[in-house]
């Protein structure tokens, strides 16, 4: 974040978060992703990712950034 939230902003956030199932789901997904990345890096520190995988990942992320949807391949 750019700055700390004010008390009022914290209250508004907590109220929203308590009723918004999408925000709670995204938080759970981000925490899971963070744990997966942490354990993968911890267990594979000396390995380098396949350059083809990195290129594919970049292309997929760019597609999502441009369209909001992953590439729909059959």
C-alpha atoms as a PDB file:
ATOM      1  CA  UNK A   1       0.000   0.000   0.000  1.00  0.00           C
ATOM      2  CA  UNK A   2       1.018   3.579  -0.458  1.00  0.00           C
ATOM      3  CA  UNK A   3       0.227   4.563   3.110  1.00  0.00           C
ATOM      4  CA  UNK A   4      -1.332   3.257   6.291  1.00  0.00           C
ATOM      5  CA  UNK A   5      -5.091   3.314   6.419  1.00  0.00           C
ATOM      6  CA  UNK A   6      -6.873   5.707   8.737  1.00  0.00           C
ATOM      7  CA  UNK A   7      -9.092   4.239  11.435  1.00  0.00           C
ATOM      8  CA  UNK A   8     -12.155   5.076   9.342  1.00  0.00           C
ATOM      9  CA  UNK A   9     -10.667   3.413   6.245  1.00  0.00           C
ATOM     10  CA  UNK A  10      -9.770   0.312   8.268  1.00  0.00           C
ATOM     11  CA  UNK A  11     -13.340   0.074   9.535  1.00  0.00           C
ATOM     12  CA  UNK A  12     -14.757   0.473   6.018  1.00  0.00           C
ATOM     13  CA  UNK A  13     -12.342  -2.164   4.707  1.00  0.00           C
ATOM     14  CA  UNK A  14     -13.193  -4.630   7.480  1.00  0.00           C
ATOM     15  CA  UNK A  15     -16.915  -4.132   6.944  1.00  0.00           C
ATOM     16  CA  UNK A  16     -16.526  -4.723   3.218  1.00  0.00           C
ATOM     17  CA  UNK A  17     -14.227  -7.706   3.709  1.00  0.00           C
ATOM     18  CA  UNK A  18     -16.630  -9.313   6.170  1.00  0.00           C
ATOM     19  CA  UNK A  19     -19.463  -9.349   3.613  1.00  0.00           C
ATOM     20  CA  UNK A  20     -17.529  -9.790   0.352  1.00  0.00           C
ATOM     21  CA  UNK A  21     -17.000 -13.465  -0.423  1.00  0.00           C
ATOM     22  CA  UNK A  22     -14.975 -12.603  -3.538  1.00  0.00           C
ATOM     23  CA  UNK A  23     -12.393 -10.638  -1.516  1.00  0.00           C
ATOM     24  CA  UNK A  24     -12.111 -13.446   1.017  1.00  0.00           C
ATOM     25  CA  UNK A  25     -11.681 -16.012  -1.770  1.00  0.00           C
ATOM     26  CA  UNK A  26      -8.997 -13.915  -3.487  1.00  0.00           C
ATOM     27  CA  UNK A  27      -7.159 -13.551  -0.169  1.00  0.00           C
ATOM     28  CA  UNK A  28      -7.207 -17.327   0.337  1.00  0.00           C
ATOM     29  CA  UNK A  29      -5.974 -17.883  -3.225  1.00  0.00           C
ATOM     30  CA  UNK A  30      -3.151 -15.349  -2.820  1.00  0.00           C
ATOM     31  CA  UNK A  31      -2.083 -16.951   0.460  1.00  0.00           C
ATOM     32  CA  UNK A  32      -2.091 -20.387  -1.183  1.00  0.00           C
ATOM     33  CA  UNK A  33      -0.093 -19.074  -4.117  1.00  0.00           C
ATOM     34  CA  UNK A  34       2.394 -17.411  -1.759  1.00  0.00           C
ATOM     35  CA  UNK A  35       2.879 -20.691   0.137  1.00  0.00           C
ATOM     36  CA  UNK A  36       3.270 -22.694  -3.090  1.00  0.00           C
ATOM     37  CA  UNK A  37       5.873 -20.305  -4.452  1.00  0.00           C
ATOM     38  CA  UNK A  38       7.730 -20.235  -1.128  1.00  0.00           C
ATOM     39  CA  UNK A  39       7.946 -24.026  -0.892  1.00  0.00           C
ATOM     40  CA  UNK A  40       8.816 -24.408  -4.549  1.00  0.00           C
ATOM     41  CA  UNK A  41      11.659 -21.898  -4.282  1.00  0.00           C
ATOM     42  CA  UNK A  42      12.827 -23.369  -0.992  1.00  0.00           C
ATOM     43  CA  UNK A  43      12.959 -26.890  -2.471  1.00  0.00           C
ATOM     44  CA  UNK A  44      14.382 -25.913  -5.873  1.00  0.00           C
ATOM     45  CA  UNK A  45      16.800 -23.072  -5.155  1.00  0.00           C
ATOM     46  CA  UNK A  46      19.489 -24.346  -7.522  1.00  0.00           C
ATOM     47  CA  UNK A  47      17.188 -25.108 -10.454  1.00  0.00           C
ATOM     48  CA  UNK A  48      16.475 -22.611 -13.219  1.00  0.00           C
ATOM     49  CA  UNK A  49      13.034 -22.598 -14.838  1.00  0.00           C
ATOM     50  CA  UNK A  50      12.669 -23.742 -18.415  1.00  0.00           C
ATOM     51  CA  UNK A  51      12.931 -20.682 -20.708  1.00  0.00           C
ATOM     52  CA  UNK A  52       9.984 -21.960 -22.768  1.00  0.00           C
ATOM     53  CA  UNK A  53       7.863 -22.057 -19.606  1.00  0.00           C
ATOM     54  CA  UNK A  54       8.874 -18.501 -18.689  1.00  0.00           C
ATOM     55  CA  UNK A  55       8.019 -17.269 -22.196  1.00  0.00           C
ATOM     56  CA  UNK A  56       4.653 -19.043 -22.109  1.00  0.00           C
ATOM     57  CA  UNK A  57       3.907 -17.591 -18.672  1.00  0.00           C
ATOM     58  CA  UNK A  58       4.760 -14.065 -19.855  1.00  0.00           C
ATOM     59  CA  UNK A  59       2.506 -14.452 -22.891  1.00  0.00           C
ATOM     60  CA  UNK A  60      -0.351 -15.784 -20.756  1.00  0.00           C
ATOM     61  CA  UNK A  61      -0.019 -12.943 -18.242  1.00  0.00           C
ATOM     62  CA  UNK A  62       0.074 -10.391 -21.064  1.00  0.00           C
ATOM     63  CA  UNK A  63      -3.085 -11.908 -22.557  1.00  0.00           C
ATOM     64  CA  UNK A  64      -4.832 -11.708 -19.195  1.00  0.00           C
ATOM     65  CA  UNK A  65      -3.643  -8.121 -18.699  1.00  0.00           C
ATOM     66  CA  UNK A  66      -4.961  -7.113 -22.132  1.00  0.00           C
ATOM     67  CA  UNK A  67      -8.255  -9.015 -22.168  1.00  0.00           C
ATOM     68  CA  UNK A  68      -8.995  -9.939 -18.565  1.00  0.00           C
ATOM     69  CA  UNK A  69      -9.273 -13.571 -19.702  1.00  0.00           C
ATOM     70  CA  UNK A  70      -6.742 -16.351 -20.170  1.00  0.00           C
ATOM     71  CA  UNK A  71      -6.132 -17.551 -23.715  1.00  0.00           C
ATOM     72  CA  UNK A  72      -8.819 -20.118 -24.564  1.00  0.00           C
ATOM     73  CA  UNK A  73      -6.953 -22.928 -26.326  1.00  0.00           C
ATOM     74  CA  UNK A  74      -8.750 -26.173 -27.237  1.00  0.00           C
END
